[in-house]
Protein backbone atom coordinates (compact mmCIF):
# COMPACT_ATOMS: atom_id res chain seq x y z
CA MET A 1 -114.96 101.63 -11.18
CA LYS A 2 -115.41 103.14 -13.97
CA ASN A 3 -119.73 104.93 -12.47
CA LYS A 4 -117.32 106.16 -9.46
CA ILE A 5 -114.46 108.31 -11.50
CA LYS A 6 -117.21 109.61 -13.45
CA LYS A 7 -119.47 110.30 -10.74
CA ARG A 8 -115.77 111.91 -9.65
CA VAL A 9 -115.35 113.56 -13.00
CA SER A 10 -118.82 115.19 -12.69
CA ASP A 11 -118.78 116.35 -8.98
CA LEU A 12 -115.66 118.64 -9.65
CA GLN A 13 -116.89 119.88 -13.37
CA THR A 14 -119.49 120.89 -11.27
CA GLN A 15 -116.97 122.11 -8.51
CA LEU A 16 -115.59 123.93 -11.42
CA GLY A 17 -118.78 125.77 -12.93
CA VAL A 18 -119.12 127.05 -9.34
CA LEU A 19 -116.39 129.12 -8.57
CA LEU A 20 -116.19 130.20 -11.92
CA SER A 21 -119.86 131.43 -11.99
CA LYS A 22 -118.60 133.62 -8.46
CA GLU A 23 -117.86 137.18 -9.06
CA PRO A 24 -114.17 138.17 -8.33
CA GLU A 25 -113.06 140.17 -5.90
CA THR A 26 -109.75 142.84 -5.67
CA ILE A 27 -106.72 139.89 -4.14
CA ILE A 28 -106.52 142.93 -1.94
CA CYS A 29 -110.10 142.99 -0.96
CA ALA A 30 -109.82 138.81 -0.55
CA VAL A 31 -107.21 139.48 1.63
CA GLU A 32 -108.28 142.19 4.19
CA ARG A 33 -111.56 139.81 4.61
CA TYR A 34 -110.04 136.42 5.63
CA ARG A 35 -107.43 138.91 7.56
CA LYS A 36 -110.46 140.10 9.29
CA LEU A 37 -112.17 136.83 9.27
CA PHE A 38 -108.97 135.38 11.03
CA LYS A 39 -108.74 137.87 13.27
CA CYS A 40 -112.29 137.39 14.56
CA ASN A 41 -111.94 133.79 15.19
CA ARG A 42 -108.40 132.75 15.04
CA VAL A 43 -109.37 129.91 12.55
CA LYS A 44 -107.95 129.89 9.74
CA SER A 45 -110.30 129.09 5.92
CA ASP A 46 -108.43 127.04 3.29
CA GLY A 47 -109.48 126.32 0.19
CA ILE A 48 -108.69 126.39 -3.59
CA TYR A 49 -108.56 129.78 -5.37
CA MET A 50 -107.91 131.30 -8.86
CA VAL A 51 -106.39 134.13 -10.15
CA SER A 52 -107.26 136.75 -13.25
CA LYS A 53 -106.30 139.95 -14.81
CA PRO A 54 -107.98 142.85 -14.00
CA ASN A 55 -108.63 144.07 -17.99
CA ASP A 56 -109.84 140.34 -18.63
CA LYS A 57 -111.93 138.24 -15.73
CA ASP A 58 -112.55 135.12 -17.48
CA THR A 59 -108.77 134.17 -17.70
CA MET A 60 -106.84 132.56 -15.10
CA ILE A 61 -103.75 132.92 -14.63
CA TYR A 62 -102.89 131.44 -11.48
CA ILE A 63 -104.73 128.59 -9.47
CA GLY A 64 -103.74 127.53 -5.74
CA ARG A 65 -104.81 126.18 -2.70
CA THR A 66 -103.78 126.11 0.43
CA ILE A 67 -101.99 123.62 2.23
CA THR A 68 -99.56 124.07 5.08
CA ALA A 69 -100.21 128.08 5.73
CA LYS A 70 -101.07 128.33 9.00
CA GLN A 71 -103.10 131.44 8.28
CA GLY A 72 -104.95 129.17 5.22
CA LEU A 73 -106.20 131.57 2.66
CA LYS A 74 -105.16 135.12 4.46
CA GLN A 75 -101.76 134.21 3.67
CA ARG A 76 -101.91 132.32 0.68
CA LEU A 77 -103.30 135.83 -1.11
CA SER A 78 -101.07 137.75 0.77
CA ASN A 79 -98.23 136.13 -0.66
CA HIS A 80 -99.63 137.12 -4.01
CA LEU A 81 -98.62 140.27 -3.11
CA GLN A 82 -95.44 139.86 -2.19
CA LYS A 83 -91.50 140.21 -4.66
CA GLN A 84 -91.73 136.49 -5.48
CA ALA A 85 -95.05 136.68 -7.20
CA LEU A 86 -94.95 140.28 -8.37
CA GLY A 87 -91.63 139.17 -10.05
CA ARG A 88 -93.92 136.30 -11.38
CA TYR A 89 -96.72 138.74 -12.59
CA ARG A 90 -94.12 141.27 -14.22
CA ALA A 91 -96.12 143.47 -12.09
CA LYS A 92 -95.91 146.23 -9.80
CA LYS A 93 -97.51 145.67 -6.52
CA LYS A 94 -100.46 148.30 -6.63
CA ASP A 95 -101.05 146.42 -10.07
CA VAL A 96 -101.25 142.89 -8.57
CA ALA A 97 -103.82 144.32 -5.73
CA LYS A 98 -106.01 145.15 -8.57
CA TYR A 99 -106.16 141.58 -9.47
CA LEU A 100 -108.55 139.11 -9.25
CA VAL A 101 -109.59 136.45 -7.16
CA ARG A 102 -112.22 133.74 -7.11
CA VAL A 103 -111.86 131.47 -4.03
CA CYS A 104 -113.47 128.98 -2.72
CA GLU A 105 -113.64 127.48 0.96
CA GLU A 106 -113.10 123.92 1.08
CA SER A 107 -111.74 122.44 4.43
CA ASP A 108 -110.83 118.38 3.28
CA CYS A 109 -107.12 119.19 1.95
CA THR A 110 -107.65 115.96 -0.38
CA ALA A 111 -110.50 117.29 -1.52
CA ARG A 112 -108.18 120.48 -1.73
CA ARG A 113 -106.09 118.34 -4.11
CA ASP A 114 -107.93 117.54 -6.67
CA PHE A 115 -109.98 120.56 -7.30
CA GLU A 116 -106.63 122.26 -7.83
CA THR A 117 -105.52 119.65 -10.21
CA PHE A 118 -108.39 118.80 -12.65
CA ALA A 119 -108.57 123.03 -12.46
CA ILE A 120 -105.38 123.06 -13.49
CA GLY A 121 -106.11 120.65 -15.99
CA VAL A 122 -108.70 122.19 -17.69
CA LEU A 123 -108.35 125.76 -17.94
CA SER A 124 -103.86 125.67 -17.94
CA PRO A 125 -103.28 129.09 -16.29
CA LYS A 126 -100.24 131.01 -17.46
CA PHE A 127 -98.01 130.61 -14.31
CA ASN A 128 -98.86 126.88 -13.30
CA ILE A 129 -98.18 125.85 -16.80
CA GLY A 130 -94.41 125.23 -17.59
């Protein structure tokens, strides 16, 4: 049992390292990319994403995942440009559109949940905590 836990934690650490090493893109660019993908093949992309401010790409302010979004990552990332998210970020829509995001596609819902929980626990993003 102990070895199984160590292996799982090691796998999650590796996955987190891979996601953090990705070059971030603006939320608006990611939304457009997933919009085109969804429009072309009508298949949603599920996954985990990390948001950071444009002037501090190494500090995650929010980590999320797709759960029930019918259009997957396209829908979840688009939600971050809506009124509720703007209030959370205390920013204007034009500013939030410049926020950065890193995305890891993952089709397995349990893996998404585990990775999101692990990443939040390790990175303590401002808008996931408290």
